[in-house]
Amino acid sequence: MNLNKTFFASLATAAILFSCNNQTPQEKAADSMEHAEDKAADATEEAMKTSEDAATKDAEAVVYSNKAAANAAIASVPAPTLTNDKAKELYTKLGKTWVDRINADSHEKAVDKEKALLDIKNEIDKNAVDGKITATEKDNIMKYQSDCLAAIKAAL
């Protein structure tokens, strides 16, 4: 008889444990829904990251395309007619600084190159006043400066 009681007690315990571990269809559906929502949230997050990465790459492509166009525009501006070495030096310095300004990869570098362009303009003026370059050479260099700016604006 003890064997029967033990058997039925074990059977009852197993039935209770089994029924506790089994979910109702509603609970199972709720768990599945939560799992699906988690997967959907993960997929949405991944899609957003992919979209942001694509937008960043598109923006970079635009920046580099603009830089290429501006560099091509500067390259197409004819060199001014200059007769002395100081004028040629100032023209070369100006042209190189324009290229550096176009290709600046940070705000700080761009501002630094803008300042350098202004410094070169002042240097050109000073050299003209001091008689190291002629007024015509100054005008030719400043026309080159204007032509560079116009070419860049037209390219962009």
N, C-alpha and C. Protein backbone atom coordinates (compact mmCIF):
# COMPACT_ATOMS: atom_id res chain seq x y z
N MET A 1 0.81 -1.18 0.00
CA MET A 1 0.00 0.00 0.00
C MET A 1 0.86 1.25 0.00
N ASN A 2 1.97 1.21 0.72
CA ASN A 2 2.88 2.35 0.73
C ASN A 2 3.42 2.63 -0.67
N LEU A 3 3.60 1.56 -1.40
CA LEU A 3 4.09 1.72 -2.75
C LEU A 3 3.06 2.45 -3.59
N ASN A 4 1.79 2.16 -3.46
CA ASN A 4 0.73 2.85 -4.19
C ASN A 4 0.65 4.31 -3.78
N LYS A 5 0.74 4.58 -2.46
CA LYS A 5 0.68 5.96 -1.99
C LYS A 5 1.86 6.75 -2.54
N THR A 6 3.01 6.14 -2.52
CA THR A 6 4.21 6.80 -3.03
C THR A 6 4.07 7.04 -4.52
N PHE A 7 3.56 6.06 -5.24
CA PHE A 7 3.36 6.20 -6.67
C PHE A 7 2.39 7.32 -6.99
N PHE A 8 1.24 7.33 -6.28
CA PHE A 8 0.24 8.38 -6.53
C PHE A 8 0.74 9.75 -6.09
N ALA A 9 1.49 9.79 -5.02
CA ALA A 9 2.05 11.06 -4.57
C ALA A 9 3.06 11.58 -5.59
N SER A 10 3.86 10.68 -6.14
CA SER A 10 4.83 11.08 -7.17
C SER A 10 4.11 11.54 -8.43
N LEU A 11 3.06 10.81 -8.79
CA LEU A 11 2.27 11.15 -9.96
C LEU A 11 1.61 12.51 -9.78
N ALA A 12 1.06 12.76 -8.60
CA ALA A 12 0.42 14.04 -8.31
C ALA A 12 1.44 15.16 -8.36
N THR A 13 2.62 14.93 -7.81
CA THR A 13 3.68 15.95 -7.81
C THR A 13 4.13 16.23 -9.23
N ALA A 14 4.29 15.20 -10.03
CA ALA A 14 4.69 15.37 -11.42
C ALA A 14 3.63 16.14 -12.19
N ALA A 15 2.35 15.84 -11.93
CA ALA A 15 1.26 16.55 -12.62
C ALA A 15 1.25 18.02 -12.24
N ILE A 16 1.47 18.29 -10.95
CA ILE A 16 1.50 19.68 -10.49
C ILE A 16 2.67 20.42 -11.13
N LEU A 17 3.85 19.81 -11.10
CA LEU A 17 5.02 20.44 -11.70
C LEU A 17 4.85 20.64 -13.20
N PHE A 18 4.28 19.64 -13.86
CA PHE A 18 4.06 19.72 -15.29
C PHE A 18 3.09 20.85 -15.63
N SER A 19 2.03 20.95 -14.82
CA SER A 19 1.04 22.00 -15.09
C SER A 19 1.59 23.38 -14.77
N CYS A 20 2.52 23.48 -13.84
CA CYS A 20 3.14 24.77 -13.51
C CYS A 20 4.08 25.21 -14.62
N ASN A 21 4.77 24.28 -15.24
CA ASN A 21 5.73 24.61 -16.28
C ASN A 21 5.06 24.82 -17.63
N ASN A 22 3.89 24.31 -17.83
CA ASN A 22 3.18 24.49 -19.09
C ASN A 22 2.51 25.86 -19.10
N GLN A 23 2.62 26.54 -20.22
CA GLN A 23 1.96 27.83 -20.33
C GLN A 23 0.61 27.65 -21.01
N THR A 24 -0.26 28.54 -20.67
CA THR A 24 -1.54 28.54 -21.38
C THR A 24 -1.26 29.10 -22.77
N PRO A 25 -2.15 28.88 -23.70
CA PRO A 25 -1.94 29.44 -25.04
C PRO A 25 -1.80 30.97 -25.00
N GLN A 26 -2.54 31.63 -24.10
CA GLN A 26 -2.45 33.08 -24.00
C GLN A 26 -1.07 33.51 -23.52
N GLU A 27 -0.54 32.78 -22.52
CA GLU A 27 0.79 33.11 -22.00
C GLU A 27 1.86 32.86 -23.07
N LYS A 28 1.69 31.75 -23.77
CA LYS A 28 2.65 31.42 -24.82
C LYS A 28 2.60 32.48 -25.92
N ALA A 29 1.40 32.92 -26.29
CA ALA A 29 1.25 33.96 -27.31
C ALA A 29 1.86 35.27 -26.83
N ALA A 30 1.65 35.61 -25.55
CA ALA A 30 2.21 36.84 -24.99
C ALA A 30 3.74 36.78 -25.01
N ASP A 31 4.30 35.63 -24.64
CA ASP A 31 5.76 35.48 -24.68
C ASP A 31 6.27 35.59 -26.12
N SER A 32 5.57 34.97 -27.05
CA SER A 32 5.97 35.05 -28.46
C SER A 32 5.89 36.49 -28.96
N MET A 33 4.84 37.20 -28.53
CA MET A 33 4.68 38.59 -28.94
C MET A 33 5.84 39.43 -28.39
N GLU A 34 6.21 39.23 -27.12
CA GLU A 34 7.32 39.96 -26.53
C GLU A 34 8.62 39.67 -27.29
N HIS A 35 8.81 38.40 -27.61
CA HIS A 35 10.01 38.00 -28.35
C HIS A 35 10.02 38.68 -29.73
N ALA A 36 8.88 38.67 -30.39
CA ALA A 36 8.78 39.30 -31.71
C ALA A 36 9.00 40.81 -31.61
N GLU A 37 8.46 41.44 -30.56
CA GLU A 37 8.66 42.88 -30.38
C GLU A 37 10.13 43.19 -30.15
N ASP A 38 10.80 42.35 -29.36
CA ASP A 38 12.23 42.55 -29.13
C ASP A 38 13.02 42.43 -30.43
N LYS A 39 12.67 41.42 -31.22
CA LYS A 39 13.35 41.23 -32.51
C LYS A 39 13.07 42.42 -33.44
N ALA A 40 11.84 42.91 -33.43
CA ALA A 40 11.49 44.06 -34.27
C ALA A 40 12.26 45.30 -33.82
N ALA A 41 12.38 45.50 -32.52
CA ALA A 41 13.13 46.64 -32.00
C ALA A 41 14.60 46.54 -32.40
N ASP A 42 15.15 45.33 -32.29
CA ASP A 42 16.55 45.12 -32.69
C ASP A 42 16.73 45.40 -34.18
N ALA A 43 15.80 44.92 -34.99
CA ALA A 43 15.88 45.13 -36.43
C ALA A 43 15.75 46.62 -36.77
N THR A 44 14.86 47.31 -36.08
CA THR A 44 14.69 48.75 -36.30
C THR A 44 15.96 49.50 -35.94
N GLU A 45 16.54 49.13 -34.81
CA GLU A 45 17.79 49.77 -34.37
C GLU A 45 18.89 49.54 -35.39
N GLU A 46 18.99 48.33 -35.89
CA GLU A 46 20.01 48.01 -36.90
C GLU A 46 19.75 48.78 -38.19
N ALA A 47 18.48 48.88 -38.58
CA ALA A 47 18.14 49.63 -39.79
C ALA A 47 18.48 51.11 -39.63
N MET A 48 18.22 51.66 -38.45
CA MET A 48 18.54 53.07 -38.19
C MET A 48 20.06 53.29 -38.27
N LYS A 49 20.82 52.37 -37.71
CA LYS A 49 22.28 52.48 -37.74
C LYS A 49 22.76 52.41 -39.19
N THR A 50 22.22 51.48 -39.94
CA THR A 50 22.59 51.33 -41.34
C THR A 50 22.23 52.59 -42.12
N SER A 51 21.06 53.14 -41.84
CA SER A 51 20.62 54.37 -42.49
C SER A 51 21.53 55.53 -42.14
N GLU A 52 21.91 55.64 -40.86
CA GLU A 52 22.83 56.71 -40.44
C GLU A 52 24.18 56.55 -41.11
N ASP A 53 24.66 55.32 -41.18
CA ASP A 53 25.95 55.06 -41.85
C ASP A 53 25.87 55.46 -43.32
N ALA A 54 24.77 55.12 -43.97
CA ALA A 54 24.60 55.46 -45.38
C ALA A 54 24.53 56.98 -45.55
N ALA A 55 23.83 57.66 -44.66
CA ALA A 55 23.73 59.12 -44.74
C ALA A 55 25.10 59.76 -44.54
N THR A 56 25.88 59.21 -43.61
CA THR A 56 27.23 59.73 -43.38
C THR A 56 28.09 59.55 -44.61
N LYS A 57 28.01 58.37 -45.22
CA LYS A 57 28.79 58.10 -46.43
C LYS A 57 28.34 59.02 -47.57
N ASP A 58 27.04 59.27 -47.68
CA ASP A 58 26.54 60.18 -48.71
C ASP A 58 27.08 61.59 -48.48
N ALA A 59 27.06 62.04 -47.23
CA ALA A 59 27.56 63.38 -46.90
C ALA A 59 29.06 63.47 -47.22
N GLU A 60 29.80 62.44 -46.87
CA GLU A 60 31.24 62.43 -47.18
C GLU A 60 31.46 62.48 -48.68
N ALA A 61 30.66 61.77 -49.43
CA ALA A 61 30.80 61.77 -50.89
C ALA A 61 30.55 63.16 -51.45
N VAL A 62 29.56 63.86 -50.90
CA VAL A 62 29.27 65.23 -51.35
C VAL A 62 30.44 66.15 -51.03
N VAL A 63 30.98 66.03 -49.81
CA VAL A 63 32.11 66.87 -49.41
C VAL A 63 33.30 66.65 -50.34
N TYR A 64 33.65 65.39 -50.58
CA TYR A 64 34.80 65.10 -51.43
C TYR A 64 34.55 65.50 -52.88
N SER A 65 33.33 65.36 -53.32
CA SER A 65 32.97 65.79 -54.67
C SER A 65 33.12 67.31 -54.79
N ASN A 66 32.65 68.04 -53.76
CA ASN A 66 32.80 69.49 -53.77
C ASN A 66 34.26 69.91 -53.74
N LYS A 67 35.06 69.21 -52.93
CA LYS A 67 36.49 69.52 -52.89
C LYS A 67 37.13 69.29 -54.26
N ALA A 68 36.77 68.19 -54.90
CA ALA A 68 37.33 67.89 -56.22
C ALA A 68 36.94 68.96 -57.23
N ALA A 69 35.68 69.38 -57.18
CA ALA A 69 35.21 70.41 -58.10
C ALA A 69 35.92 71.74 -57.85
N ALA A 70 36.09 72.10 -56.58
CA ALA A 70 36.78 73.35 -56.26
C ALA A 70 38.25 73.30 -56.66
N ASN A 71 38.89 72.16 -56.44
CA ASN A 71 40.29 72.01 -56.87
C ASN A 71 40.42 72.12 -58.38
N ALA A 72 39.50 71.51 -59.10
CA ALA A 72 39.52 71.59 -60.56
C ALA A 72 39.30 73.04 -61.01
N ALA A 73 38.41 73.74 -60.31
CA ALA A 73 38.14 75.14 -60.65
C ALA A 73 39.39 75.99 -60.46
N ILE A 74 40.08 75.79 -59.34
CA ILE A 74 41.31 76.55 -59.08
C ILE A 74 42.36 76.24 -60.15
N ALA A 75 42.46 74.97 -60.51
CA ALA A 75 43.46 74.57 -61.51
C ALA A 75 43.18 75.19 -62.87
N SER A 76 41.93 75.53 -63.13
CA SER A 76 41.58 76.10 -64.44
C SER A 76 41.81 77.61 -64.52
N VAL A 77 42.07 78.25 -63.38
CA VAL A 77 42.30 79.70 -63.38
C VAL A 77 43.71 79.95 -63.93
N PRO A 78 43.81 80.77 -64.97
CA PRO A 78 45.13 81.02 -65.55
C PRO A 78 46.03 81.81 -64.59
N ALA A 79 47.30 81.50 -64.64
CA ALA A 79 48.27 82.21 -63.81
C ALA A 79 48.40 83.65 -64.31
N PRO A 80 48.60 84.56 -63.37
CA PRO A 80 48.77 85.96 -63.79
C PRO A 80 50.13 86.18 -64.46
N THR A 81 50.20 87.23 -65.23
CA THR A 81 51.47 87.61 -65.85
C THR A 81 52.25 88.41 -64.82
N LEU A 82 53.41 87.89 -64.45
CA LEU A 82 54.23 88.53 -63.43
C LEU A 82 55.68 88.60 -63.92
N THR A 83 56.36 89.68 -63.54
CA THR A 83 57.72 89.87 -64.05
C THR A 83 58.81 89.65 -63.01
N ASN A 84 58.54 89.88 -61.73
CA ASN A 84 59.63 89.71 -60.76
C ASN A 84 59.39 88.53 -59.83
N ASP A 85 60.45 88.11 -59.19
CA ASP A 85 60.42 86.91 -58.35
C ASP A 85 59.52 87.09 -57.13
N LYS A 86 59.50 88.27 -56.54
CA LYS A 86 58.68 88.50 -55.34
C LYS A 86 57.20 88.35 -55.70
N ALA A 87 56.78 88.88 -56.82
CA ALA A 87 55.39 88.76 -57.26
C ALA A 87 55.04 87.30 -57.53
N LYS A 88 55.96 86.58 -58.16
CA LYS A 88 55.73 85.15 -58.44
C LYS A 88 55.63 84.36 -57.13
N GLU A 89 56.47 84.73 -56.16
CA GLU A 89 56.43 84.07 -54.85
C GLU A 89 55.08 84.30 -54.16
N LEU A 90 54.60 85.53 -54.21
CA LEU A 90 53.31 85.85 -53.58
C LEU A 90 52.15 85.14 -54.27
N TYR A 91 52.18 85.11 -55.61
CA TYR A 91 51.15 84.41 -56.37
C TYR A 91 51.14 82.92 -56.02
N THR A 92 52.33 82.31 -55.97
CA THR A 92 52.44 80.88 -55.65
C THR A 92 51.93 80.61 -54.24
N LYS A 93 52.32 81.45 -53.31
CA LYS A 93 51.87 81.31 -51.92
C LYS A 93 50.34 81.43 -51.84
N LEU A 94 49.79 82.37 -52.57
CA LEU A 94 48.33 82.57 -52.59
C LEU A 94 47.63 81.34 -53.17
N GLY A 95 48.12 80.84 -54.29
CA GLY A 95 47.50 79.68 -54.93
C GLY A 95 47.53 78.44 -54.05
N LYS A 96 48.68 78.21 -53.43
CA LYS A 96 48.81 77.04 -52.55
C LYS A 96 47.89 77.16 -51.33
N THR A 97 47.75 78.36 -50.83
CA THR A 97 46.89 78.56 -49.66
C THR A 97 45.42 78.35 -50.04
N TRP A 98 45.04 78.76 -51.24
CA TRP A 98 43.67 78.48 -51.70
C TRP A 98 43.43 76.97 -51.75
N VAL A 99 44.37 76.24 -52.28
CA VAL A 99 44.23 74.77 -52.36
C VAL A 99 44.15 74.18 -50.95
N ASP A 100 45.00 74.66 -50.05
CA ASP A 100 44.94 74.18 -48.66
C ASP A 100 43.60 74.51 -48.01
N ARG A 101 43.07 75.68 -48.32
CA ARG A 101 41.76 76.07 -47.75
C ARG A 101 40.67 75.15 -48.26
N ILE A 102 40.69 74.87 -49.52
CA ILE A 102 39.68 73.97 -50.11
C ILE A 102 39.74 72.59 -49.46
N ASN A 103 40.95 72.11 -49.21
CA ASN A 103 41.13 70.75 -48.72
C ASN A 103 41.20 70.65 -47.20
N ALA A 104 40.94 71.74 -46.49
CA ALA A 104 40.96 71.71 -45.03
C ALA A 104 39.94 70.68 -44.54
N ASP A 105 40.38 69.84 -43.59
CA ASP A 105 39.51 68.77 -43.12
C ASP A 105 38.94 69.03 -41.72
N SER A 106 39.07 70.25 -41.25
CA SER A 106 38.45 70.61 -39.98
C SER A 106 38.13 72.11 -40.00
N HIS A 107 37.24 72.49 -39.14
CA HIS A 107 36.86 73.90 -39.06
C HIS A 107 38.07 74.76 -38.68
N GLU A 108 38.87 74.26 -37.74
CA GLU A 108 40.04 75.02 -37.28
C GLU A 108 41.03 75.25 -38.42
N LYS A 109 41.26 74.22 -39.23
CA LYS A 109 42.19 74.36 -40.36
C LYS A 109 41.63 75.34 -41.40
N ALA A 110 40.32 75.28 -41.61
CA ALA A 110 39.70 76.19 -42.58
C ALA A 110 39.84 77.64 -42.11
N VAL A 111 39.59 77.87 -40.84
CA VAL A 111 39.73 79.22 -40.30
C VAL A 111 41.18 79.68 -40.39
N ASP A 112 42.10 78.79 -40.10
CA ASP A 112 43.53 79.12 -40.19
C ASP A 112 43.90 79.51 -41.62
N LYS A 113 43.38 78.79 -42.60
CA LYS A 113 43.69 79.10 -44.00
C LYS A 113 43.02 80.40 -44.44
N GLU A 114 41.82 80.67 -43.92
CA GLU A 114 41.16 81.95 -44.22
C GLU A 114 42.02 83.11 -43.71
N LYS A 115 42.55 82.94 -42.52
CA LYS A 115 43.44 83.97 -41.94
C LYS A 115 44.69 84.11 -42.79
N ALA A 116 45.24 82.99 -43.23
CA ALA A 116 46.44 83.02 -44.06
C ALA A 116 46.18 83.74 -45.38
N LEU A 117 44.99 83.55 -45.97
CA LEU A 117 44.65 84.25 -47.20
C LEU A 117 44.61 85.76 -46.97
N LEU A 118 44.06 86.17 -45.85
CA LEU A 118 44.02 87.59 -45.51
C LEU A 118 45.43 88.13 -45.27
N ASP A 119 46.26 87.36 -44.59
CA ASP A 119 47.66 87.76 -44.36
C ASP A 119 48.41 87.93 -45.68
N ILE A 120 48.17 87.03 -46.63
CA ILE A 120 48.83 87.12 -47.93
C ILE A 120 48.37 88.38 -48.67
N LYS A 121 47.08 88.67 -48.59
CA LYS A 121 46.56 89.89 -49.23
C LYS A 121 47.25 91.11 -48.63
N ASN A 122 47.39 91.14 -47.32
CA ASN A 122 48.07 92.26 -46.66
C ASN A 122 49.55 92.32 -47.06
N GLU A 123 50.16 91.16 -47.22
CA GLU A 123 51.56 91.09 -47.65
C GLU A 123 51.71 91.62 -49.08
N ILE A 124 50.74 91.30 -49.93
CA ILE A 124 50.76 91.82 -51.31
C ILE A 124 50.66 93.34 -51.29
N ASP A 125 49.71 93.85 -50.49
CA ASP A 125 49.55 95.31 -50.37
C ASP A 125 50.84 95.96 -49.87
N LYS A 126 51.44 95.38 -48.85
CA LYS A 126 52.67 95.95 -48.26
C LYS A 126 53.81 95.94 -49.28
N ASN A 127 53.94 94.85 -50.02
CA ASN A 127 55.00 94.77 -51.03
C ASN A 127 54.79 95.77 -52.15
N ALA A 128 53.54 96.05 -52.47
CA ALA A 128 53.25 97.06 -53.49
C ALA A 128 53.61 98.45 -52.97
N VAL A 129 53.26 98.75 -51.74
CA VAL A 129 53.59 100.04 -51.14
C VAL A 129 55.10 100.22 -51.02
N ASP A 130 55.80 99.14 -50.66
CA ASP A 130 57.26 99.19 -50.50
C ASP A 130 58.00 99.17 -51.84
N GLY A 131 57.29 98.99 -52.96
CA GLY A 131 57.91 99.00 -54.27
C GLY A 131 58.57 97.69 -54.65
N LYS A 132 58.31 96.63 -53.89
CA LYS A 132 58.90 95.32 -54.21
C LYS A 132 58.18 94.64 -55.36
N ILE A 133 56.91 94.99 -55.57
CA ILE A 133 56.15 94.55 -56.74
C ILE A 133 55.47 95.79 -57.32
N THR A 134 55.18 95.74 -58.60
CA THR A 134 54.54 96.89 -59.24
C THR A 134 53.04 96.87 -58.98
N ALA A 135 52.41 98.01 -59.24
CA ALA A 135 50.95 98.10 -59.07
C ALA A 135 50.26 97.14 -60.04
N THR A 136 50.82 96.99 -61.21
CA THR A 136 50.24 96.07 -62.20
C THR A 136 50.32 94.63 -61.70
N GLU A 137 51.47 94.27 -61.12
CA GLU A 137 51.61 92.91 -60.58
C GLU A 137 50.63 92.69 -59.43
N LYS A 138 50.49 93.69 -58.58
CA LYS A 138 49.52 93.59 -57.49
C LYS A 138 48.12 93.37 -58.06
N ASP A 139 47.76 94.18 -59.05
CA ASP A 139 46.43 94.03 -59.67
C ASP A 139 46.25 92.65 -60.30
N ASN A 140 47.30 92.15 -60.94
CA ASN A 140 47.23 90.82 -61.58
C ASN A 140 47.05 89.72 -60.52
N ILE A 141 47.78 89.84 -59.41
CA ILE A 141 47.65 88.84 -58.35
C ILE A 141 46.26 88.92 -57.71
N MET A 142 45.77 90.13 -57.48
CA MET A 142 44.44 90.29 -56.87
C MET A 142 43.34 89.83 -57.84
N LYS A 143 43.55 90.01 -59.14
CA LYS A 143 42.59 89.50 -60.12
C LYS A 143 42.59 87.97 -60.07
N TYR A 144 43.78 87.38 -59.93
CA TYR A 144 43.88 85.93 -59.77
C TYR A 144 43.09 85.49 -58.54
N GLN A 145 43.24 86.22 -57.45
CA GLN A 145 42.49 85.94 -56.21
C GLN A 145 40.99 85.96 -56.48
N SER A 146 40.52 87.00 -57.15
CA SER A 146 39.09 87.12 -57.47
C SER A 146 38.62 86.02 -58.40
N ASP A 147 39.46 85.71 -59.38
CA ASP A 147 39.11 84.64 -60.33
C ASP A 147 39.02 83.28 -59.63
N CYS A 148 39.90 83.05 -58.66
CA CYS A 148 39.86 81.79 -57.89
C CYS A 148 38.54 81.69 -57.13
N LEU A 149 38.20 82.76 -56.45
CA LEU A 149 36.96 82.76 -55.67
C LEU A 149 35.75 82.57 -56.57
N ALA A 150 35.72 83.27 -57.71
CA ALA A 150 34.60 83.11 -58.64
C ALA A 150 34.53 81.70 -59.21
N ALA A 151 35.68 81.12 -59.50
CA ALA A 151 35.69 79.74 -60.04
C ALA A 151 35.17 78.75 -59.02
N ILE A 152 35.57 78.94 -57.76
CA ILE A 152 35.10 78.04 -56.71
C ILE A 152 33.58 78.15 -56.55
N LYS A 153 33.09 79.38 -56.51
CA LYS A 153 31.64 79.58 -56.36
C LYS A 153 30.88 78.99 -57.55
N ALA A 154 31.41 79.14 -58.73
CA ALA A 154 30.75 78.59 -59.92
C ALA A 154 30.74 77.07 -59.90
N ALA A 155 31.81 76.48 -59.35
CA ALA A 155 31.92 75.01 -59.33
C ALA A 155 30.97 74.39 -58.30
N LEU A 156 30.64 75.14 -57.27
CA LEU A 156 29.80 74.61 -56.22
C LEU A 156 28.40 75.10 -56.40
